[in-house]
Amino acid sequence: MTCPHGLRRTALFAGGAVLAALLTACGSSGNGSSAAPGPASDTATTGSAASSAAGTEAPVAGGSSAAGGTQSSAGASAGGSSGGRCHTSELRASLGSDDPGAGQEHYPLVLTNTSDRVCTVTGYPGAAFTDAAGRQLGPDPSRTPGGVSPITLAPGLSAWSGLSFSNPGVSGAKSAKAAWLLVTPPNERDSLRVRWTGGAVPVAGTDTRASLTVLAPGTGA
């Protein structure tokens, strides 16, 4: 029998410890963190970066890189032959709707292939909340353990990672209002910026570290 989308998403989020804050390395209605300092823009341009609330991202130069696993030309569920890894300039980042539970916030962080070629993503994206000036809020996210497999994305297809953190109103952690979510695709250094509309995020004290799951095919919806 087919597992409903919500159950599949919940199962992936439950696969590891939930932590709280943001990754900076290597990312359906949108929220997001911030990128490098600079004026916000809703136009995708290399080196500036910004995203609308609808989830459009722009490349930001100079993110750190952290991939979980070895890149491979073999494709996971998205199918098709790989043309090499997906570069930041070939991807759009967005955030799906929150699926809260037990004092935790859970967002699917989605990377979509906007190029005209088949490419591959493998492992974990990077993510970091920032304020409007581009200053990072809270620590880098931890990675929820999971099997790493290459995901081959034909044009228009997506892969997603579960971004989870404790609601500071429940945990009592010190919080701050984020303006952006900075997302770095696996094995890349340039980042994408997505506008964050999800409210306060934990930055200090109890349960401040966010977590990310390994990328999986689809949008997490």
N, C-alpha and C. Protein backbone atom coordinates (compact mmCIF):
# COMPACT_ATOMS: atom_id res chain seq x y z
N MET A 1 0.84 -1.18 0.00
CA MET A 1 0.00 0.00 0.00
C MET A 1 0.88 1.24 0.00
N THR A 2 0.35 2.31 -0.53
CA THR A 2 1.12 3.55 -0.63
C THR A 2 1.06 4.31 0.66
N CYS A 3 2.21 4.73 1.16
CA CYS A 3 2.26 5.50 2.41
C CYS A 3 1.88 6.94 2.13
N PRO A 4 0.95 7.56 2.87
CA PRO A 4 0.59 8.96 2.65
C PRO A 4 1.80 9.84 2.79
N HIS A 5 1.79 10.99 2.05
CA HIS A 5 2.95 11.89 2.07
C HIS A 5 3.31 12.30 3.48
N GLY A 6 2.31 12.65 4.31
CA GLY A 6 2.60 13.14 5.65
C GLY A 6 3.30 12.10 6.49
N LEU A 7 2.89 10.81 6.32
CA LEU A 7 3.53 9.77 7.11
C LEU A 7 4.95 9.54 6.66
N ARG A 8 5.19 9.60 5.33
CA ARG A 8 6.57 9.42 4.86
C ARG A 8 7.46 10.51 5.43
N ARG A 9 6.96 11.76 5.45
CA ARG A 9 7.76 12.86 5.93
C ARG A 9 8.03 12.71 7.41
N THR A 10 7.00 12.36 8.17
CA THR A 10 7.17 12.19 9.61
C THR A 10 8.17 11.10 9.91
N ALA A 11 8.13 10.01 9.13
CA ALA A 11 9.06 8.90 9.36
C ALA A 11 10.48 9.34 9.16
N LEU A 12 10.74 10.18 8.15
CA LEU A 12 12.11 10.62 7.90
C LEU A 12 12.59 11.54 9.01
N PHE A 13 11.70 12.45 9.48
CA PHE A 13 12.10 13.34 10.54
C PHE A 13 12.39 12.58 11.82
N ALA A 14 11.65 11.50 12.07
CA ALA A 14 11.81 10.75 13.30
C ALA A 14 13.03 9.87 13.27
N GLY A 15 13.73 9.77 12.13
CA GLY A 15 14.84 8.85 12.00
C GLY A 15 16.06 9.24 12.75
N GLY A 16 16.11 10.37 13.47
CA GLY A 16 17.30 10.72 14.21
C GLY A 16 16.98 11.76 15.25
N ALA A 17 17.97 12.13 16.03
CA ALA A 17 17.75 13.10 17.09
C ALA A 17 17.41 14.44 16.48
N VAL A 18 16.45 15.17 17.08
CA VAL A 18 16.10 16.51 16.63
C VAL A 18 16.96 17.50 17.38
N LEU A 19 17.60 18.45 16.65
CA LEU A 19 18.52 19.36 17.31
C LEU A 19 18.04 20.78 17.07
N ALA A 20 18.99 21.83 16.93
CA ALA A 20 18.41 23.14 16.75
C ALA A 20 19.30 24.27 16.32
N ALA A 21 19.43 24.61 15.05
CA ALA A 21 20.03 25.83 14.52
C ALA A 21 20.42 25.69 13.09
N LEU A 22 21.61 25.87 12.57
CA LEU A 22 21.78 25.97 11.14
C LEU A 22 23.10 25.51 10.58
N LEU A 23 23.02 24.90 9.44
CA LEU A 23 24.21 24.40 8.74
C LEU A 23 24.78 25.49 7.86
N THR A 24 26.05 25.45 7.64
CA THR A 24 26.65 26.36 6.66
C THR A 24 27.52 25.56 5.74
N ALA A 25 27.01 24.73 4.87
CA ALA A 25 27.96 23.95 4.13
C ALA A 25 27.44 23.29 2.92
N CYS A 26 28.33 22.83 2.32
CA CYS A 26 28.50 22.27 1.05
C CYS A 26 28.51 22.56 0.20
N GLY A 27 21.31 22.96 0.61
CA GLY A 27 20.38 22.96 0.94
C GLY A 27 20.53 22.87 0.82
N SER A 28 7.27 23.83 0.32
CA SER A 28 6.92 24.15 -1.00
C SER A 28 6.17 25.44 -0.98
N SER A 29 6.07 25.76 0.02
CA SER A 29 5.85 27.17 0.19
C SER A 29 6.95 27.63 1.09
N GLY A 30 7.41 28.80 1.03
CA GLY A 30 8.74 29.04 1.53
C GLY A 30 8.90 29.83 2.80
N ASN A 31 9.98 29.52 3.46
CA ASN A 31 10.58 30.24 4.56
C ASN A 31 12.07 30.20 4.30
N GLY A 32 12.96 30.72 5.15
CA GLY A 32 14.35 30.54 4.83
C GLY A 32 15.29 31.31 5.68
N SER A 33 16.57 31.16 5.54
CA SER A 33 17.55 31.90 6.28
C SER A 33 18.31 32.78 5.37
N SER A 34 19.37 33.27 5.76
CA SER A 34 19.99 34.33 5.05
C SER A 34 21.32 33.97 4.48
N ALA A 35 21.77 34.75 3.59
CA ALA A 35 23.05 34.48 2.96
C ALA A 35 24.05 35.52 3.36
N ALA A 36 25.04 35.70 2.50
CA ALA A 36 26.09 36.64 2.80
C ALA A 36 25.50 38.03 2.97
N PRO A 37 26.16 38.90 3.74
CA PRO A 37 25.64 40.25 3.94
C PRO A 37 25.43 40.94 2.62
N GLY A 38 24.44 41.81 2.60
CA GLY A 38 24.15 42.52 1.37
C GLY A 38 22.68 42.80 1.29
N PRO A 39 22.26 43.71 0.42
CA PRO A 39 20.85 44.07 0.33
C PRO A 39 20.02 42.90 -0.14
N ALA A 40 18.82 42.80 0.40
CA ALA A 40 17.91 41.72 -0.02
C ALA A 40 17.42 42.00 -1.42
N SER A 41 17.23 40.94 -2.16
CA SER A 41 16.75 41.07 -3.53
C SER A 41 15.93 39.86 -3.84
N ASP A 42 14.92 40.01 -4.70
CA ASP A 42 14.13 38.87 -5.10
C ASP A 42 14.55 38.36 -6.47
N THR A 43 15.67 38.84 -6.97
CA THR A 43 16.18 38.39 -8.26
C THR A 43 17.36 37.46 -8.05
N ALA A 44 17.34 36.32 -8.74
CA ALA A 44 18.42 35.35 -8.57
C ALA A 44 19.64 35.83 -9.34
N THR A 45 20.66 36.28 -8.61
CA THR A 45 21.87 36.74 -9.25
C THR A 45 23.07 36.21 -8.50
N THR A 46 24.05 35.72 -9.22
CA THR A 46 25.24 35.18 -8.60
C THR A 46 25.93 36.26 -7.80
N GLY A 47 26.27 35.91 -6.54
CA GLY A 47 27.04 36.81 -5.70
C GLY A 47 26.23 37.72 -4.84
N SER A 48 24.93 37.92 -5.09
CA SER A 48 24.12 38.69 -4.17
C SER A 48 23.21 37.74 -3.45
N ALA A 49 22.17 37.26 -3.99
CA ALA A 49 21.36 36.22 -3.41
C ALA A 49 20.21 36.73 -2.62
N ALA A 50 19.07 36.24 -2.97
CA ALA A 50 17.91 36.54 -2.19
C ALA A 50 16.80 35.67 -2.66
N SER A 51 15.75 35.58 -1.86
CA SER A 51 14.65 34.77 -2.28
C SER A 51 13.37 35.39 -1.82
N SER A 52 12.34 35.15 -2.55
CA SER A 52 11.04 35.66 -2.15
C SER A 52 10.41 34.70 -1.17
N ALA A 53 9.30 35.14 -0.57
CA ALA A 53 8.61 34.27 0.37
C ALA A 53 8.11 33.03 -0.32
N ALA A 54 7.97 33.08 -1.62
CA ALA A 54 7.52 31.91 -2.36
C ALA A 54 8.63 30.89 -2.50
N GLY A 55 9.83 31.21 -2.11
CA GLY A 55 10.89 30.22 -2.08
C GLY A 55 11.90 30.30 -3.19
N THR A 56 12.04 31.42 -3.87
CA THR A 56 13.05 31.53 -4.91
C THR A 56 14.39 31.84 -4.28
N GLU A 57 15.44 31.19 -4.73
CA GLU A 57 16.75 31.49 -4.17
C GLU A 57 17.69 32.06 -5.19
N ALA A 58 18.70 32.72 -4.69
CA ALA A 58 19.73 33.25 -5.55
C ALA A 58 21.08 32.79 -5.04
N PRO A 59 22.04 32.56 -5.94
CA PRO A 59 23.36 32.13 -5.50
C PRO A 59 24.07 33.19 -4.69
N VAL A 60 24.76 32.78 -3.65
CA VAL A 60 25.58 33.66 -2.84
C VAL A 60 26.98 33.09 -2.82
N ALA A 61 27.94 33.87 -3.22
CA ALA A 61 29.30 33.35 -3.29
C ALA A 61 29.87 33.14 -1.90
N GLY A 62 30.67 32.08 -1.78
CA GLY A 62 31.51 31.93 -0.60
C GLY A 62 30.94 31.14 0.54
N GLY A 63 29.97 30.29 0.35
CA GLY A 63 29.52 29.43 1.44
C GLY A 63 30.54 28.33 1.67
N SER A 64 30.53 27.72 2.86
CA SER A 64 31.43 26.61 3.08
C SER A 64 30.79 25.35 2.55
N SER A 65 31.57 24.28 2.35
CA SER A 65 31.03 23.10 1.73
C SER A 65 31.11 21.91 2.64
N ALA A 66 30.03 21.14 2.65
CA ALA A 66 30.05 19.94 3.47
C ALA A 66 29.12 18.92 2.88
N ALA A 67 29.63 17.94 2.23
CA ALA A 67 28.78 16.92 1.66
C ALA A 67 28.85 15.69 2.51
N GLY A 68 27.73 14.99 2.62
CA GLY A 68 27.76 13.75 3.38
C GLY A 68 27.85 12.59 2.43
N GLY A 69 29.00 12.11 2.11
CA GLY A 69 29.10 10.96 1.24
C GLY A 69 29.83 11.28 -0.04
N THR A 70 30.15 10.25 -0.78
CA THR A 70 30.91 10.40 -2.01
C THR A 70 29.98 10.58 -3.19
N GLN A 71 30.29 11.54 -4.05
CA GLN A 71 29.48 11.78 -5.23
C GLN A 71 29.62 10.60 -6.18
N SER A 72 28.52 10.25 -6.81
CA SER A 72 28.53 9.13 -7.72
C SER A 72 27.69 9.44 -8.93
N SER A 73 28.00 8.82 -10.05
CA SER A 73 27.21 9.05 -11.25
C SER A 73 25.95 8.20 -11.26
N ALA A 74 25.85 7.27 -10.32
CA ALA A 74 24.66 6.45 -10.27
C ALA A 74 23.52 7.25 -9.67
N GLY A 75 22.32 7.12 -10.21
CA GLY A 75 21.20 7.90 -9.74
C GLY A 75 20.38 7.16 -8.71
N ALA A 76 19.83 7.90 -7.72
CA ALA A 76 18.83 7.33 -6.83
C ALA A 76 17.48 7.65 -7.46
N SER A 77 16.42 7.66 -6.70
CA SER A 77 15.07 7.60 -7.23
C SER A 77 14.69 8.55 -8.36
N ALA A 78 15.32 9.71 -8.46
CA ALA A 78 14.86 10.65 -9.48
C ALA A 78 15.05 10.13 -10.88
N GLY A 79 15.99 9.24 -11.10
CA GLY A 79 16.15 8.57 -12.39
C GLY A 79 16.97 9.37 -13.39
N GLY A 80 17.31 8.74 -14.48
CA GLY A 80 18.08 9.38 -15.52
C GLY A 80 19.56 9.21 -15.32
N SER A 81 20.34 9.43 -16.37
CA SER A 81 21.79 9.32 -16.25
C SER A 81 22.34 10.64 -15.75
N SER A 82 23.36 10.57 -14.92
CA SER A 82 23.90 11.77 -14.30
C SER A 82 24.86 12.49 -15.22
N GLY A 83 24.81 13.82 -15.18
CA GLY A 83 25.77 14.63 -15.91
C GLY A 83 26.75 15.27 -14.96
N GLY A 84 27.00 14.65 -13.79
CA GLY A 84 27.86 15.24 -12.78
C GLY A 84 27.03 15.91 -11.71
N ARG A 85 27.69 16.45 -10.68
CA ARG A 85 26.95 17.01 -9.57
C ARG A 85 26.23 18.30 -9.97
N CYS A 86 25.15 18.58 -9.27
CA CYS A 86 24.40 19.81 -9.48
C CYS A 86 25.16 20.98 -8.83
N HIS A 87 25.36 22.04 -9.57
CA HIS A 87 26.01 23.22 -9.03
C HIS A 87 24.97 24.21 -8.51
N THR A 88 25.40 25.08 -7.62
CA THR A 88 24.49 26.04 -7.01
C THR A 88 23.69 26.82 -8.04
N SER A 89 24.35 27.22 -9.12
CA SER A 89 23.70 28.02 -10.15
C SER A 89 22.62 27.25 -10.91
N GLU A 90 22.58 25.93 -10.73
CA GLU A 90 21.61 25.10 -11.43
C GLU A 90 20.44 24.69 -10.53
N LEU A 91 20.43 25.20 -9.30
CA LEU A 91 19.43 24.77 -8.33
C LEU A 91 18.62 25.95 -7.79
N ARG A 92 17.39 25.64 -7.40
CA ARG A 92 16.56 26.58 -6.65
C ARG A 92 16.30 25.97 -5.29
N ALA A 93 16.42 26.76 -4.23
CA ALA A 93 16.11 26.28 -2.88
C ALA A 93 14.78 26.86 -2.42
N SER A 94 14.04 26.06 -1.66
CA SER A 94 12.78 26.53 -1.10
C SER A 94 12.48 25.74 0.16
N LEU A 95 11.51 26.21 0.93
CA LEU A 95 11.08 25.52 2.13
C LEU A 95 9.60 25.18 2.02
N GLY A 96 9.27 23.95 2.38
CA GLY A 96 7.87 23.55 2.41
C GLY A 96 7.20 24.00 3.70
N SER A 97 5.98 23.58 3.87
CA SER A 97 5.19 23.97 5.04
C SER A 97 5.69 23.26 6.30
N ASP A 98 5.58 23.97 7.42
CA ASP A 98 5.96 23.41 8.71
C ASP A 98 5.02 22.25 9.07
N ASP A 99 5.59 21.21 9.69
CA ASP A 99 4.81 20.08 10.19
C ASP A 99 5.17 19.89 11.66
N PRO A 100 4.66 20.77 12.55
CA PRO A 100 5.11 20.78 13.94
C PRO A 100 4.59 19.58 14.72
N GLY A 101 5.30 19.29 15.82
CA GLY A 101 4.87 18.21 16.69
C GLY A 101 5.78 18.06 17.89
N ALA A 102 5.22 17.85 19.08
CA ALA A 102 5.97 17.61 20.30
C ALA A 102 7.01 18.71 20.57
N GLY A 103 6.62 19.95 20.34
CA GLY A 103 7.52 21.07 20.61
C GLY A 103 8.59 21.27 19.56
N GLN A 104 8.50 20.54 18.44
CA GLN A 104 9.49 20.64 17.37
C GLN A 104 8.86 21.25 16.11
N GLU A 105 9.69 21.95 15.36
CA GLU A 105 9.28 22.47 14.05
C GLU A 105 10.02 21.65 12.99
N HIS A 106 9.30 21.27 11.95
CA HIS A 106 9.87 20.43 10.89
C HIS A 106 9.54 21.03 9.52
N TYR A 107 10.57 21.40 8.79
CA TYR A 107 10.39 21.97 7.45
C TYR A 107 11.14 21.13 6.42
N PRO A 108 10.52 20.81 5.30
CA PRO A 108 11.28 20.22 4.20
C PRO A 108 12.06 21.31 3.46
N LEU A 109 13.37 21.13 3.40
CA LEU A 109 14.23 22.05 2.66
C LEU A 109 14.46 21.42 1.28
N VAL A 110 14.01 22.09 0.24
CA VAL A 110 13.92 21.48 -1.10
C VAL A 110 14.92 22.11 -2.06
N LEU A 111 15.64 21.28 -2.80
CA LEU A 111 16.51 21.72 -3.88
C LEU A 111 15.93 21.20 -5.20
N THR A 112 15.70 22.11 -6.14
CA THR A 112 15.09 21.75 -7.43
C THR A 112 16.05 22.07 -8.56
N ASN A 113 16.19 21.14 -9.48
CA ASN A 113 17.06 21.32 -10.64
C ASN A 113 16.39 22.25 -11.64
N THR A 114 16.94 23.44 -11.81
CA THR A 114 16.38 24.41 -12.76
C THR A 114 17.16 24.46 -14.07
N SER A 115 18.15 23.61 -14.22
CA SER A 115 18.97 23.61 -15.43
C SER A 115 18.31 22.76 -16.51
N ASP A 116 18.96 22.69 -17.67
CA ASP A 116 18.43 21.87 -18.76
C ASP A 116 19.20 20.56 -18.90
N ARG A 117 19.94 20.19 -17.84
CA ARG A 117 20.69 18.94 -17.88
C ARG A 117 20.37 18.09 -16.65
N VAL A 118 20.68 16.81 -16.72
CA VAL A 118 20.55 15.92 -15.58
C VAL A 118 21.79 16.07 -14.70
N CYS A 119 21.58 16.19 -13.39
CA CYS A 119 22.71 16.32 -12.47
C CYS A 119 22.39 15.59 -11.17
N THR A 120 23.36 15.52 -10.28
CA THR A 120 23.25 14.67 -9.09
C THR A 120 23.57 15.44 -7.81
N VAL A 121 22.78 15.18 -6.76
CA VAL A 121 23.09 15.70 -5.42
C VAL A 121 23.27 14.49 -4.50
N THR A 122 24.19 14.63 -3.53
CA THR A 122 24.49 13.50 -2.64
C THR A 122 24.77 14.01 -1.23
N GLY A 123 24.07 13.46 -0.25
CA GLY A 123 24.40 13.75 1.13
C GLY A 123 23.53 14.81 1.77
N TYR A 124 24.18 15.73 2.47
CA TYR A 124 23.48 16.75 3.25
C TYR A 124 23.70 18.14 2.64
N PRO A 125 22.67 18.98 2.64
CA PRO A 125 22.90 20.39 2.31
C PRO A 125 23.48 21.10 3.53
N GLY A 126 23.92 22.31 3.34
CA GLY A 126 24.27 23.17 4.46
C GLY A 126 23.13 24.15 4.68
N ALA A 127 22.98 24.63 5.91
CA ALA A 127 21.94 25.61 6.20
C ALA A 127 22.36 26.48 7.37
N ALA A 128 21.93 27.72 7.36
CA ALA A 128 22.22 28.63 8.48
C ALA A 128 21.19 29.74 8.47
N PHE A 129 20.61 30.00 9.64
CA PHE A 129 19.74 31.16 9.78
C PHE A 129 20.61 32.41 9.91
N THR A 130 20.17 33.50 9.30
CA THR A 130 20.89 34.75 9.47
C THR A 130 19.89 35.89 9.68
N ASP A 131 20.41 36.99 10.21
CA ASP A 131 19.57 38.18 10.32
C ASP A 131 19.63 38.95 9.01
N ALA A 132 18.99 40.11 8.97
CA ALA A 132 18.90 40.88 7.72
C ALA A 132 20.25 41.34 7.23
N ALA A 133 21.23 41.48 8.15
CA ALA A 133 22.57 41.93 7.78
C ALA A 133 23.47 40.78 7.37
N GLY A 134 22.97 39.53 7.41
CA GLY A 134 23.78 38.39 7.02
C GLY A 134 24.54 37.74 8.15
N ARG A 135 24.32 38.16 9.40
CA ARG A 135 25.01 37.55 10.54
C ARG A 135 24.30 36.25 10.93
N GLN A 136 25.07 35.19 11.12
CA GLN A 136 24.48 33.90 11.45
C GLN A 136 23.88 33.92 12.85
N LEU A 137 22.73 33.28 12.98
CA LEU A 137 22.03 33.17 14.25
C LEU A 137 22.09 31.71 14.70
N GLY A 138 22.70 31.45 15.84
CA GLY A 138 22.76 30.10 16.36
C GLY A 138 23.84 29.27 15.70
N PRO A 139 24.07 28.06 16.24
CA PRO A 139 25.12 27.19 15.71
C PRO A 139 24.70 26.50 14.42
N ASP A 140 25.67 25.92 13.73
CA ASP A 140 25.37 25.11 12.56
C ASP A 140 24.52 23.91 12.98
N PRO A 141 23.63 23.46 12.10
CA PRO A 141 22.82 22.28 12.43
C PRO A 141 23.66 21.02 12.50
N SER A 142 23.16 20.07 13.25
CA SER A 142 23.74 18.73 13.25
C SER A 142 23.11 17.92 12.13
N ARG A 143 23.69 16.75 11.87
CA ARG A 143 23.17 15.88 10.83
C ARG A 143 22.55 14.63 11.44
N THR A 144 21.30 14.40 11.11
CA THR A 144 20.64 13.18 11.56
C THR A 144 21.21 12.00 10.78
N PRO A 145 21.70 10.95 11.44
CA PRO A 145 22.29 9.84 10.71
C PRO A 145 21.31 9.23 9.71
N GLY A 146 21.84 8.85 8.57
CA GLY A 146 21.02 8.22 7.54
C GLY A 146 21.88 7.74 6.40
N GLY A 147 21.36 6.81 5.62
CA GLY A 147 22.10 6.29 4.48
C GLY A 147 22.21 7.32 3.38
N VAL A 148 23.42 7.50 2.88
CA VAL A 148 23.69 8.48 1.83
C VAL A 148 23.70 7.80 0.47
N SER A 149 22.87 8.28 -0.44
CA SER A 149 22.83 7.75 -1.80
C SER A 149 22.76 8.91 -2.78
N PRO A 150 23.41 8.79 -3.93
CA PRO A 150 23.29 9.84 -4.94
C PRO A 150 21.85 9.94 -5.43
N ILE A 151 21.39 11.15 -5.65
CA ILE A 151 20.05 11.38 -6.18
C ILE A 151 20.20 12.10 -7.51
N THR A 152 19.78 11.45 -8.57
CA THR A 152 19.89 12.02 -9.91
C THR A 152 18.63 12.82 -10.22
N LEU A 153 18.84 14.08 -10.55
CA LEU A 153 17.72 14.99 -10.80
C LEU A 153 17.66 15.37 -12.27
N ALA A 154 16.62 14.93 -12.95
CA ALA A 154 16.35 15.45 -14.28
C ALA A 154 15.86 16.88 -14.13
N PRO A 155 15.88 17.68 -15.18
CA PRO A 155 15.38 19.06 -15.08
C PRO A 155 13.98 19.11 -14.47
N GLY A 156 13.82 19.97 -13.47
CA GLY A 156 12.52 20.14 -12.82
C GLY A 156 12.28 19.25 -11.62
N LEU A 157 13.13 18.23 -11.40
CA LEU A 157 12.95 17.34 -10.26
C LEU A 157 13.67 17.87 -9.02
N SER A 158 13.25 17.35 -7.86
CA SER A 158 13.72 17.90 -6.58
C SER A 158 14.22 16.82 -5.63
N ALA A 159 15.04 17.25 -4.68
CA ALA A 159 15.44 16.44 -3.54
C ALA A 159 15.21 17.29 -2.30
N TRP A 160 14.99 16.62 -1.14
CA TRP A 160 14.69 17.40 0.06
C TRP A 160 15.40 16.84 1.29
N SER A 161 15.64 17.75 2.23
CA SER A 161 16.23 17.42 3.52
C SER A 161 15.32 17.96 4.61
N GLY A 162 15.15 17.22 5.69
CA GLY A 162 14.30 17.68 6.79
C GLY A 162 15.06 18.59 7.74
N LEU A 163 14.61 19.83 7.86
CA LEU A 163 15.19 20.81 8.79
C LEU A 163 14.30 20.86 10.03
N SER A 164 14.86 20.52 11.18
CA SER A 164 14.09 20.46 12.42
C SER A 164 14.78 21.26 13.52
N PHE A 165 13.98 21.87 14.39
CA PHE A 165 14.53 22.55 15.56
C PHE A 165 13.45 22.67 16.62
N SER A 166 13.87 22.81 17.86
CA SER A 166 12.93 22.95 18.97
C SER A 166 12.33 24.35 18.96
N ASN A 167 11.03 24.42 19.16
CA ASN A 167 10.35 25.71 19.26
C ASN A 167 10.85 26.41 20.52
N PRO A 168 11.46 27.60 20.39
CA PRO A 168 12.02 28.25 21.58
C PRO A 168 10.97 28.62 22.61
N GLY A 169 9.73 28.79 22.19
CA GLY A 169 8.67 29.08 23.14
C GLY A 169 8.37 27.90 24.04
N VAL A 170 8.69 26.70 23.58
CA VAL A 170 8.48 25.48 24.36
C VAL A 170 9.75 25.13 25.14
N SER A 171 10.90 25.21 24.48
CA SER A 171 12.16 24.80 25.12
C SER A 171 12.70 25.82 26.10
N GLY A 172 12.29 27.09 25.94
CA GLY A 172 12.82 28.14 26.78
C GLY A 172 14.15 28.69 26.32
N ALA A 173 14.61 28.29 25.15
CA ALA A 173 15.88 28.78 24.61
C ALA A 173 15.78 30.26 24.26
N LYS A 174 16.92 30.94 24.31
CA LYS A 174 16.97 32.30 23.81
C LYS A 174 16.71 32.27 22.32
N SER A 175 15.91 33.21 21.83
CA SER A 175 15.52 33.17 20.42
C SER A 175 15.83 34.49 19.72
N ALA A 176 15.77 34.45 18.41
CA ALA A 176 15.96 35.64 17.59
C ALA A 176 15.10 35.50 16.35
N LYS A 177 14.80 36.62 15.74
CA LYS A 177 14.00 36.60 14.51
C LYS A 177 14.94 36.53 13.31
N ALA A 178 14.90 35.44 12.58
CA ALA A 178 15.74 35.28 11.40
C ALA A 178 15.09 35.98 10.21
N ALA A 179 15.92 36.46 9.29
CA ALA A 179 15.43 37.06 8.06
C ALA A 179 15.58 36.12 6.87
N TRP A 180 16.63 35.28 6.92
CA TRP A 180 16.94 34.42 5.79
C TRP A 180 17.42 33.06 6.27
N LEU A 181 17.29 32.10 5.39
CA LEU A 181 17.94 30.80 5.56
C LEU A 181 18.95 30.66 4.43
N LEU A 182 20.19 30.53 4.80
CA LEU A 182 21.26 30.34 3.82
C LEU A 182 21.41 28.84 3.56
N VAL A 183 21.31 28.44 2.30
CA VAL A 183 21.32 27.02 1.92
C VAL A 183 22.46 26.77 0.95
N THR A 184 23.31 25.79 1.27
CA THR A 184 24.44 25.44 0.41
C THR A 184 24.28 24.01 -0.08
N PRO A 185 24.18 23.79 -1.38
CA PRO A 185 24.04 22.42 -1.90
C PRO A 185 25.27 21.58 -1.58
N PRO A 186 25.11 20.26 -1.53
CA PRO A 186 26.24 19.37 -1.23
C PRO A 186 27.41 19.58 -2.19
N ASN A 187 28.61 19.60 -1.64
CA ASN A 187 29.85 19.72 -2.40
C ASN A 187 30.04 21.07 -3.08
N GLU A 188 29.21 22.05 -2.75
CA GLU A 188 29.31 23.38 -3.35
C GLU A 188 29.76 24.40 -2.31
N ARG A 189 30.29 25.52 -2.77
CA ARG A 189 30.70 26.60 -1.89
C ARG A 189 29.79 27.81 -1.99
N ASP A 190 29.19 28.04 -3.14
CA ASP A 190 28.22 29.13 -3.27
C ASP A 190 26.89 28.69 -2.69
N SER A 191 26.15 29.66 -2.14
CA SER A 191 24.92 29.35 -1.42
C SER A 191 23.71 30.01 -2.05
N LEU A 192 22.55 29.59 -1.59
CA LEU A 192 21.27 30.15 -1.99
C LEU A 192 20.61 30.74 -0.76
N ARG A 193 19.82 31.79 -0.96
CA ARG A 193 19.19 32.45 0.18
C ARG A 193 17.67 32.38 0.04
N VAL A 194 17.01 31.97 1.09
CA VAL A 194 15.56 31.83 1.10
C VAL A 194 15.00 32.69 2.22
N ARG A 195 14.00 33.49 1.92
CA ARG A 195 13.42 34.36 2.94
C ARG A 195 12.77 33.50 4.04
N TRP A 196 13.05 33.82 5.31
CA TRP A 196 12.49 33.06 6.41
C TRP A 196 11.26 33.77 6.95
N THR A 197 10.13 33.08 6.97
CA THR A 197 8.89 33.63 7.50
C THR A 197 8.33 32.75 8.60
N GLY A 198 9.17 31.88 9.16
CA GLY A 198 8.70 30.90 10.13
C GLY A 198 8.79 31.32 11.58
N GLY A 199 9.04 32.60 11.86
CA GLY A 199 9.06 33.06 13.24
C GLY A 199 10.42 32.91 13.90
N ALA A 200 10.42 32.99 15.23
CA ALA A 200 11.66 32.98 16.00
C ALA A 200 12.35 31.63 15.93
N VAL A 201 13.69 31.67 15.97
CA VAL A 201 14.50 30.45 15.97
C VAL A 201 15.40 30.48 17.21
N PRO A 202 15.75 29.30 17.76
CA PRO A 202 16.60 29.26 18.96
C PRO A 202 18.04 29.61 18.62
N VAL A 203 18.67 30.41 19.48
CA VAL A 203 20.05 30.82 19.22
C VAL A 203 21.00 30.54 20.38
N ALA A 204 20.48 30.33 21.58
CA ALA A 204 21.33 30.08 22.75
C ALA A 204 20.51 29.42 23.84
N GLY A 205 21.23 28.72 24.74
CA GLY A 205 20.56 28.06 25.84
C GLY A 205 20.20 26.63 25.51
N THR A 206 19.08 26.17 26.02
CA THR A 206 18.65 24.78 25.86
C THR A 206 18.13 24.52 24.46
N ASP A 207 18.50 23.36 23.91
CA ASP A 207 17.96 22.91 22.62
C ASP A 207 18.09 23.97 21.53
N THR A 208 19.31 24.42 21.29
CA THR A 208 19.49 25.46 20.28
C THR A 208 19.92 24.93 18.93
N ARG A 209 20.37 23.69 18.86
CA ARG A 209 20.93 23.20 17.60
C ARG A 209 19.86 22.55 16.74
N ALA A 210 19.76 23.00 15.50
CA ALA A 210 18.84 22.39 14.54
C ALA A 210 19.46 21.11 14.00
N SER A 211 18.68 20.38 13.23
CA SER A 211 19.21 19.17 12.59
C SER A 211 18.75 19.11 11.14
N LEU A 212 19.51 18.39 10.33
CA LEU A 212 19.18 18.16 8.93
C LEU A 212 19.26 16.67 8.65
N THR A 213 18.33 16.18 7.84
CA THR A 213 18.39 14.79 7.40
C THR A 213 19.11 14.73 6.05
N VAL A 214 19.58 13.54 5.68
CA VAL A 214 20.22 13.35 4.39
C VAL A 214 19.19 13.60 3.29
N LEU A 215 19.64 14.11 2.17
CA LEU A 215 18.74 14.39 1.05
C LEU A 215 18.05 13.13 0.56
N ALA A 216 16.78 13.27 0.22
CA ALA A 216 15.97 12.19 -0.32
C ALA A 216 15.23 12.71 -1.55
N PRO A 217 14.84 11.85 -2.48
CA PRO A 217 14.12 12.30 -3.67
C PRO A 217 12.76 12.91 -3.31
N GLY A 218 12.34 13.89 -4.10
CA GLY A 218 11.03 14.49 -3.92
C GLY A 218 11.07 15.81 -3.19
N THR A 219 9.91 16.26 -2.73
CA THR A 219 9.78 17.56 -2.07
C THR A 219 9.43 17.46 -0.60
N GLY A 220 9.21 16.23 -0.10
CA GLY A 220 8.84 16.07 1.30
C GLY A 220 7.41 16.42 1.60
N ALA A 221 6.60 16.71 0.58
CA ALA A 221 5.21 17.10 0.79
C ALA A 221 4.34 15.86 0.94
